[in-house]
Amino acid sequence: MTEDIKELSRRKLNFFQTMKAVAWGFFGVRKGKGYTEDIGSLNPVHLIAAGIIAAIVFVVGLVLIARWLIGYLT
């Protein structure tokens, strides 16, 4: 099993390409062909890190928008 994990971590997409794939996933507008290509080439370690970073940025963005709207409306 550890050999499988080592092999998966050697996949070719870099971190920024993984962030792009995660962004497409957040918006839900990825075509089937692009999705299958991403699945075959994404590094799972990069994917987990990118997902966590994207989730944090999304939540912080929502909080900032909410605080701005509350400040604007009061």
PDB file of N, CA and C in Angstrom:
ATOM      1  N   MET A   1       0.815  -1.198   0.000  1.00  0.00           N
ATOM      2  CA  MET A   1       0.000   0.000   0.000  1.00  0.00           C
ATOM      3  C   MET A   1       0.857   1.259   0.000  1.00  0.00           C
ATOM      4  N   THR A   2       1.969   1.247   0.686  1.00  0.00           N
ATOM      5  CA  THR A   2       2.815   2.437   0.711  1.00  0.00           C
ATOM      6  C   THR A   2       3.414   2.726  -0.654  1.00  0.00           C
ATOM      7  N   GLU A   3       3.638   1.685  -1.446  1.00  0.00           N
ATOM      8  CA  GLU A   3       4.151   1.900  -2.803  1.00  0.00           C
ATOM      9  C   GLU A   3       3.120   2.634  -3.663  1.00  0.00           C
ATOM     10  N   ASP A   4       1.845   2.323  -3.469  1.00  0.00           N
ATOM     11  CA  ASP A   4       0.790   3.020  -4.202  1.00  0.00           C
ATOM     12  C   ASP A   4       0.768   4.503  -3.848  1.00  0.00           C
ATOM     13  N   ILE A   5       0.916   4.800  -2.573  1.00  0.00           N
ATOM     14  CA  ILE A   5       0.911   6.198  -2.132  1.00  0.00           C
ATOM     15  C   ILE A   5       2.127   6.934  -2.676  1.00  0.00           C
ATOM     16  N   LYS A   6       3.275   6.281  -2.664  1.00  0.00           N
ATOM     17  CA  LYS A   6       4.483   6.905  -3.213  1.00  0.00           C
ATOM     18  C   LYS A   6       4.326   7.168  -4.709  1.00  0.00           C
ATOM     19  N   GLU A   7       3.721   6.213  -5.408  1.00  0.00           N
ATOM     20  CA  GLU A   7       3.520   6.388  -6.852  1.00  0.00           C
ATOM     21  C   GLU A   7       2.546   7.534  -7.128  1.00  0.00           C
ATOM     22  N   LEU A   8       1.481   7.631  -6.360  1.00  0.00           N
ATOM     23  CA  LEU A   8       0.514   8.711  -6.548  1.00  0.00           C
ATOM     24  C   LEU A   8       1.133  10.071  -6.268  1.00  0.00           C
ATOM     25  N   SER A   9       2.024  10.149  -5.294  1.00  0.00           N
ATOM     26  CA  SER A   9       2.622  11.433  -4.943  1.00  0.00           C
ATOM     27  C   SER A   9       3.637  11.909  -5.975  1.00  0.00           C
ATOM     28  N   ARG A  10       4.004  11.056  -6.920  1.00  0.00           N
ATOM     29  CA  ARG A  10       4.942  11.440  -7.984  1.00  0.00           C
ATOM     30  C   ARG A  10       4.240  11.918  -9.248  1.00  0.00           C
ATOM     31  N   ARG A  11       2.959  12.128  -9.190  1.00  0.00           N
ATOM     32  CA  ARG A  11       2.229  12.574 -10.385  1.00  0.00           C
ATOM     33  C   ARG A  11       2.711  13.931 -10.830  1.00  0.00           C
ATOM     34  N   LYS A  12       2.413  14.275 -12.087  1.00  0.00           N
ATOM     35  CA  LYS A  12       3.111  15.360 -12.753  1.00  0.00           C
ATOM     36  C   LYS A  12       2.551  16.770 -12.568  1.00  0.00           C
ATOM     37  N   LEU A  13       1.307  16.966 -12.190  1.00  0.00           N
ATOM     38  CA  LEU A  13       0.786  18.331 -12.064  1.00  0.00           C
ATOM     39  C   LEU A  13       1.431  19.043 -10.877  1.00  0.00           C
ATOM     40  N   ASN A  14       1.762  20.303 -11.075  1.00  0.00           N
ATOM     41  CA  ASN A  14       2.333  21.058  -9.969  1.00  0.00           C
ATOM     42  C   ASN A  14       1.217  21.629  -9.108  1.00  0.00           C
ATOM     43  N   PHE A  15       1.579  22.312  -8.036  1.00  0.00           N
ATOM     44  CA  PHE A  15       0.602  22.774  -7.054  1.00  0.00           C
ATOM     45  C   PHE A  15      -0.353  23.806  -7.639  1.00  0.00           C
ATOM     46  N   PHE A  16       0.140  24.688  -8.484  1.00  0.00           N
ATOM     47  CA  PHE A  16      -0.729  25.728  -9.045  1.00  0.00           C
ATOM     48  C   PHE A  16      -1.741  25.142 -10.026  1.00  0.00           C
ATOM     49  N   GLN A  17      -1.360  24.113 -10.760  1.00  0.00           N
ATOM     50  CA  GLN A  17      -2.310  23.431 -11.630  1.00  0.00           C
ATOM     51  C   GLN A  17      -3.369  22.709 -10.795  1.00  0.00           C
ATOM     52  N   THR A  18      -2.946  22.188  -9.653  1.00  0.00           N
ATOM     53  CA  THR A  18      -3.890  21.550  -8.745  1.00  0.00           C
ATOM     54  C   THR A  18      -4.858  22.582  -8.173  1.00  0.00           C
ATOM     55  N   MET A  19      -4.360  23.780  -7.834  1.00  0.00           N
ATOM     56  CA  MET A  19      -5.241  24.847  -7.337  1.00  0.00           C
ATOM     57  C   MET A  19      -6.266  25.225  -8.399  1.00  0.00           C
ATOM     58  N   LYS A  20      -5.850  25.237  -9.647  1.00  0.00           N
ATOM     59  CA  LYS A  20      -6.776  25.544 -10.742  1.00  0.00           C
ATOM     60  C   LYS A  20      -7.870  24.485 -10.824  1.00  0.00           C
ATOM     61  N   ALA A  21      -7.499  23.225 -10.706  1.00  0.00           N
ATOM     62  CA  ALA A  21      -8.480  22.138 -10.748  1.00  0.00           C
ATOM     63  C   ALA A  21      -9.440  22.221  -9.567  1.00  0.00           C
ATOM     64  N   VAL A  22      -8.927  22.580  -8.394  1.00  0.00           N
ATOM     65  CA  VAL A  22      -9.780  22.731  -7.212  1.00  0.00           C
ATOM     66  C   VAL A  22     -10.727  23.909  -7.394  1.00  0.00           C
ATOM     67  N   ALA A  23     -10.256  24.989  -7.987  1.00  0.00           N
ATOM     68  CA  ALA A  23     -11.126  26.144  -8.235  1.00  0.00           C
ATOM     69  C   ALA A  23     -12.253  25.773  -9.181  1.00  0.00           C
ATOM     70  N   TRP A  24     -11.938  25.022 -10.226  1.00  0.00           N
ATOM     71  CA  TRP A  24     -12.990  24.553 -11.135  1.00  0.00           C
ATOM     72  C   TRP A  24     -13.982  23.687 -10.379  1.00  0.00           C
ATOM     73  N   GLY A  25     -13.482  22.877  -9.463  1.00  0.00           N
ATOM     74  CA  GLY A  25     -14.362  22.022  -8.669  1.00  0.00           C
ATOM     75  C   GLY A  25     -15.276  22.824  -7.755  1.00  0.00           C
ATOM     76  N   PHE A  26     -14.777  23.906  -7.194  1.00  0.00           N
ATOM     77  CA  PHE A  26     -15.601  24.761  -6.344  1.00  0.00           C
ATOM     78  C   PHE A  26     -16.731  25.393  -7.142  1.00  0.00           C
ATOM     79  N   PHE A  27     -16.458  25.786  -8.363  1.00  0.00           N
ATOM     80  CA  PHE A  27     -17.490  26.400  -9.191  1.00  0.00           C
ATOM     81  C   PHE A  27     -18.387  25.363  -9.867  1.00  0.00           C
ATOM     82  N   GLY A  28     -17.919  24.139 -10.007  1.00  0.00           N
ATOM     83  CA  GLY A  28     -18.714  23.072 -10.581  1.00  0.00           C
ATOM     84  C   GLY A  28     -18.930  23.180 -12.070  1.00  0.00           C
ATOM     85  N   VAL A  29     -17.961  23.729 -12.794  1.00  0.00           N
ATOM     86  CA  VAL A  29     -18.125  23.928 -14.231  1.00  0.00           C
ATOM     87  C   VAL A  29     -17.061  23.184 -15.044  1.00  0.00           C
ATOM     88  N   ARG A  30     -16.573  22.073 -14.545  1.00  0.00           N
ATOM     89  CA  ARG A  30     -15.528  21.316 -15.234  1.00  0.00           C
ATOM     90  C   ARG A  30     -16.165  20.318 -16.195  1.00  0.00           C
ATOM     91  N   LYS A  31     -15.651  20.234 -17.405  1.00  0.00           N
ATOM     92  CA  LYS A  31     -16.153  19.268 -18.389  1.00  0.00           C
ATOM     93  C   LYS A  31     -15.647  17.876 -18.043  1.00  0.00           C
ATOM     94  N   GLY A  32     -16.324  16.876 -18.543  1.00  0.00           N
ATOM     95  CA  GLY A  32     -15.984  15.494 -18.242  1.00  0.00           C
ATOM     96  C   GLY A  32     -14.582  15.105 -18.671  1.00  0.00           C
ATOM     97  N   LYS A  33     -14.162  15.562 -19.846  1.00  0.00           N
ATOM     98  CA  LYS A  33     -12.829  15.219 -20.344  1.00  0.00           C
ATOM     99  C   LYS A  33     -11.743  15.835 -19.462  1.00  0.00           C
ATOM    100  N   GLY A  34     -11.898  17.092 -19.097  1.00  0.00           N
ATOM    101  CA  GLY A  34     -10.935  17.748 -18.219  1.00  0.00           C
ATOM    102  C   GLY A  34     -10.891  17.108 -16.850  1.00  0.00           C
ATOM    103  N   TYR A  35     -12.053  16.671 -16.377  1.00  0.00           N
ATOM    104  CA  TYR A  35     -12.123  16.010 -15.072  1.00  0.00           C
ATOM    105  C   TYR A  35     -11.338  14.705 -15.077  1.00  0.00           C
ATOM    106  N   THR A  36     -11.522  13.898 -16.109  1.00  0.00           N
ATOM    107  CA  THR A  36     -10.806  12.625 -16.169  1.00  0.00           C
ATOM    108  C   THR A  36      -9.306  12.833 -16.332  1.00  0.00           C
ATOM    109  N   GLU A  37      -8.909  13.863 -17.070  1.00  0.00           N
ATOM    110  CA  GLU A  37      -7.481  14.166 -17.197  1.00  0.00           C
ATOM    111  C   GLU A  37      -6.898  14.595 -15.849  1.00  0.00           C
ATOM    112  N   ASP A  38      -7.647  15.409 -15.111  1.00  0.00           N
ATOM    113  CA  ASP A  38      -7.181  15.852 -13.797  1.00  0.00           C
ATOM    114  C   ASP A  38      -7.045  14.683 -12.830  1.00  0.00           C
ATOM    115  N   ILE A  39      -8.022  13.795 -12.818  1.00  0.00           N
ATOM    116  CA  ILE A  39      -7.985  12.655 -11.909  1.00  0.00           C
ATOM    117  C   ILE A  39      -6.762  11.793 -12.185  1.00  0.00           C
ATOM    118  N   GLY A  40      -6.405  11.658 -13.435  1.00  0.00           N
ATOM    119  CA  GLY A  40      -5.255  10.836 -13.790  1.00  0.00           C
ATOM    120  C   GLY A  40      -3.916  11.472 -13.492  1.00  0.00           C
ATOM    121  N   SER A  41      -3.896  12.788 -13.283  1.00  0.00           N
ATOM    122  CA  SER A  41      -2.602  13.444 -13.127  1.00  0.00           C
ATOM    123  C   SER A  41      -2.456  14.264 -11.852  1.00  0.00           C
ATOM    124  N   LEU A  42      -3.492  14.370 -11.040  1.00  0.00           N
ATOM    125  CA  LEU A  42      -3.379  15.147  -9.804  1.00  0.00           C
ATOM    126  C   LEU A  42      -2.587  14.404  -8.745  1.00  0.00           C
ATOM    127  N   ASN A  43      -1.783  15.148  -8.025  1.00  0.00           N
ATOM    128  CA  ASN A  43      -1.044  14.613  -6.892  1.00  0.00           C
ATOM    129  C   ASN A  43      -1.961  14.701  -5.671  1.00  0.00           C
ATOM    130  N   PRO A  44      -2.254  13.586  -5.001  1.00  0.00           N
ATOM    131  CA  PRO A  44      -3.199  13.627  -3.883  1.00  0.00           C
ATOM    132  C   PRO A  44      -2.750  14.522  -2.736  1.00  0.00           C
ATOM    133  N   VAL A  45      -1.465  14.619  -2.502  1.00  0.00           N
ATOM    134  CA  VAL A  45      -0.971  15.499  -1.442  1.00  0.00           C
ATOM    135  C   VAL A  45      -1.265  16.955  -1.795  1.00  0.00           C
ATOM    136  N   HIS A  46      -1.000  17.329  -3.028  1.00  0.00           N
ATOM    137  CA  HIS A  46      -1.315  18.683  -3.485  1.00  0.00           C
ATOM    138  C   HIS A  46      -2.817  18.928  -3.447  1.00  0.00           C
ATOM    139  N   LEU A  47      -3.598  17.917  -3.802  1.00  0.00           N
ATOM    140  CA  LEU A  47      -5.046  18.057  -3.838  1.00  0.00           C
ATOM    141  C   LEU A  47      -5.619  18.333  -2.454  1.00  0.00           C
ATOM    142  N   ILE A  48      -5.146  17.631  -1.454  1.00  0.00           N
ATOM    143  CA  ILE A  48      -5.617  17.851  -0.087  1.00  0.00           C
ATOM    144  C   ILE A  48      -5.230  19.243   0.386  1.00  0.00           C
ATOM    145  N   ALA A  49      -3.977  19.626   0.171  1.00  0.00           N
ATOM    146  CA  ALA A  49      -3.523  20.954   0.584  1.00  0.00           C
ATOM    147  C   ALA A  49      -4.291  22.054  -0.149  1.00  0.00           C
ATOM    148  N   ALA A  50      -4.501  21.882  -1.438  1.00  0.00           N
ATOM    149  CA  ALA A  50      -5.225  22.884  -2.222  1.00  0.00           C
ATOM    150  C   ALA A  50      -6.673  22.990  -1.768  1.00  0.00           C
ATOM    151  N   GLY A  51      -7.297  21.873  -1.450  1.00  0.00           N
ATOM    152  CA  GLY A  51      -8.665  21.893  -0.965  1.00  0.00           C
ATOM    153  C   GLY A  51      -8.799  22.622   0.361  1.00  0.00           C
ATOM    154  N   ILE A  52      -7.864  22.389   1.257  1.00  0.00           N
ATOM    155  CA  ILE A  52      -7.887  23.070   2.555  1.00  0.00           C
ATOM    156  C   ILE A  52      -7.665  24.565   2.373  1.00  0.00           C
ATOM    157  N   ILE A  53      -6.694  24.934   1.558  1.00  0.00           N
ATOM    158  CA  ILE A  53      -6.424  26.360   1.310  1.00  0.00           C
ATOM    159  C   ILE A  53      -7.628  27.029   0.662  1.00  0.00           C
ATOM    160  N   ALA A  54      -8.227  26.379  -0.328  1.00  0.00           N
ATOM    161  CA  ALA A  54      -9.389  26.960  -1.008  1.00  0.00           C
ATOM    162  C   ALA A  54     -10.565  27.119  -0.048  1.00  0.00           C
ATOM    163  N   ALA A  55     -10.770  26.150   0.824  1.00  0.00           N
ATOM    164  CA  ALA A  55     -11.866  26.245   1.792  1.00  0.00           C
ATOM    165  C   ALA A  55     -11.633  27.402   2.763  1.00  0.00           C
ATOM    166  N   ILE A  56     -10.402  27.571   3.222  1.00  0.00           N
ATOM    167  CA  ILE A  56     -10.084  28.670   4.144  1.00  0.00           C
ATOM    168  C   ILE A  56     -10.287  30.010   3.457  1.00  0.00           C
ATOM    169  N   VAL A  57      -9.815  30.146   2.223  1.00  0.00           N
ATOM    170  CA  VAL A  57      -9.991  31.400   1.478  1.00  0.00           C
ATOM    171  C   VAL A  57     -11.474  31.685   1.258  1.00  0.00           C
ATOM    172  N   PHE A  58     -12.252  30.665   0.953  1.00  0.00           N
ATOM    173  CA  PHE A  58     -13.690  30.823   0.740  1.00  0.00           C
ATOM    174  C   PHE A  58     -14.384  31.311   2.012  1.00  0.00           C
ATOM    175  N   VAL A  59     -14.089  30.683   3.145  1.00  0.00           N
ATOM    176  CA  VAL A  59     -14.722  31.076   4.414  1.00  0.00           C
ATOM    177  C   VAL A  59     -14.296  32.480   4.818  1.00  0.00           C
ATOM    178  N   VAL A  60     -13.013  32.788   4.702  1.00  0.00           N
ATOM    179  CA  VAL A  60     -12.543  34.138   5.044  1.00  0.00           C
ATOM    180  C   VAL A  60     -13.188  35.174   4.124  1.00  0.00           C
ATOM    181  N   GLY A  61     -13.320  34.847   2.861  1.00  0.00           N
ATOM    182  CA  GLY A  61     -13.985  35.755   1.922  1.00  0.00           C
ATOM    183  C   GLY A  61     -15.434  36.010   2.313  1.00  0.00           C
ATOM    184  N   LEU A  62     -16.151  34.960   2.693  1.00  0.00           N
ATOM    185  CA  LEU A  62     -17.533  35.130   3.124  1.00  0.00           C
ATOM    186  C   LEU A  62     -17.635  35.975   4.385  1.00  0.00           C
ATOM    187  N   VAL A  63     -16.733  35.753   5.321  1.00  0.00           N
ATOM    188  CA  VAL A  63     -16.734  36.532   6.558  1.00  0.00           C
ATOM    189  C   VAL A  63     -16.457  38.002   6.258  1.00  0.00           C
ATOM    190  N   LEU A  64     -15.493  38.273   5.400  1.00  0.00           N
ATOM    191  CA  LEU A  64     -15.178  39.659   5.056  1.00  0.00           C
ATOM    192  C   LEU A  64     -16.336  40.344   4.344  1.00  0.00           C
ATOM    193  N   ILE A  65     -16.994  39.636   3.446  1.00  0.00           N
ATOM    194  CA  ILE A  65     -18.154  40.208   2.760  1.00  0.00           C
ATOM    195  C   ILE A  65     -19.273  40.484   3.754  1.00  0.00           C
ATOM    196  N   ALA A  66     -19.516  39.554   4.666  1.00  0.00           N
ATOM    197  CA  ALA A  66     -20.571  39.748   5.669  1.00  0.00           C
ATOM    198  C   ALA A  66     -20.257  40.939   6.571  1.00  0.00           C
ATOM    199  N   ARG A  67     -19.006  41.053   6.996  1.00  0.00           N
ATOM    200  CA  ARG A  67     -18.629  42.189   7.859  1.00  0.00           C
ATOM    201  C   ARG A  67     -18.751  43.505   7.106  1.00  0.00           C
ATOM    202  N   TRP A  68     -18.389  43.503   5.828  1.00  0.00           N
ATOM    203  CA  TRP A  68     -18.513  44.722   5.024  1.00  0.00           C
ATOM    204  C   TRP A  68     -19.978  45.109   4.868  1.00  0.00           C
ATOM    205  N   LEU A  69     -20.836  44.113   4.585  1.00  0.00           N
ATOM    206  CA  LEU A  69     -22.257  44.410   4.428  1.00  0.00           C
ATOM    207  C   LEU A  69     -22.884  44.896   5.735  1.00  0.00           C
ATOM    208  N   ILE A  70     -22.511  44.299   6.843  1.00  0.00           N
ATOM    209  CA  ILE A  70     -23.053  44.738   8.131  1.00  0.00           C
ATOM    210  C   ILE A  70     -22.596  46.164   8.432  1.00  0.00           C
ATOM    211  N   GLY A  71     -21.334  46.467   8.154  1.00  0.00           N
ATOM    212  CA  GLY A  71     -20.834  47.817   8.361  1.00  0.00           C
ATOM    213  C   GLY A  71     -21.480  48.820   7.408  1.00  0.00           C
ATOM    214  N   TYR A  72     -21.775  48.379   6.211  1.00  0.00           N
ATOM    215  CA  TYR A  72     -22.385  49.254   5.209  1.00  0.00           C
ATOM    216  C   TYR A  72     -23.842  49.555   5.538  1.00  0.00           C
ATOM    217  N   LEU A  73     -24.534  48.566   6.083  1.00  0.00           N
ATOM    218  CA  LEU A  73     -25.958  48.707   6.360  1.00  0.00           C
ATOM    219  C   LEU A  73     -26.251  49.390   7.696  1.00  0.00           C
ATOM    220  N   THR A  74     -25.283  49.495   8.572  1.00  0.00           N
ATOM    221  CA  THR A  74     -25.561  50.127   9.868  1.00  0.00           C
ATOM    222  C   THR A  74     -25.203  51.586   9.882  1.00  0.00           C
TER     223      THR A  74
END
